[in-house]
Amino acid sequence: MEPDLHELLRTLRVWDPAVTDLPPFDPDAAPADPLPLFARWLAEAAEAGQPEPHTMSLATADAEGLPDVRIVMLHGADERGWSFATHAHSRKGRQLAVRPYAALAFYWPVLGRQVRVHGPVGVAPAEEAQADLHARSTGALAAALTGTQSEVLPSPEELAQASQAAWEQARHAPETPAPSWTLYRLRPNEAEFFQGHPDRRHIRLRYRRGEEGWTRNLLWP
């Protein structure tokens, strides 16, 4: 018997005190650049026990402007941009080729925090993409070598066969290149930090990039 969705939703809580600690956040003490604050919040989320704090929602749009979103892993963040990777022929890769602009969203419920970032997306040099791939696990390389991402899969058996062959290749030749593997960098022009408050007086701190650097503003929650 299927659950009553509406009844189930009424029983669920956000930021249950048993598992969530809402820390104070003083926006006046925030750094001038969003990257140091993000690094601090990511480290604090990991220390607080947030599972997979480096995963994020990646939003793109297709040629018609229709939105799309999925969960991916952050590969790095520095002055060049916030990086993630995929195959150039994947659905998101094709969308970024047409519309090289994206948005990222991190959610760490253990601390009641969100970080949202958006801006133009560029492609890193191919040698950097391959170095990024080969610095990861054997499983990551095997996945990159398996099939054609986002294409129609005829059967689970075909996936099993391709995956087994890719794992063998990755184990015996760990430097095997995956030519379509692409490292993307989003250069943020806006970043927003959200800290939940137990009395719903949530803090939203927005950074915007201008010609002379970053400006900061508070937003109504």
Foldseek 3Di string as FASTA:
>chain_A
DDDDVVVVVVPDDALDVVQADFDDDDPVPDDQDVVVVVVVVLVVLVVSPQPQQQKKKKWFAALVRHIDIDIFGFLDADQQFTKGKDFCQAPVNNRCVNPQKIKIKTARRNHQKMKIFIAGKDWDDQVVQLVSQLVDDLLSQLVLQADDHNDDDPDVVNRVVSSVVSSVCCVVPVSDGNRRMIMMGGNTQKMWMWGADPVRQIWIKMWGQDPVGIDIDTDGD
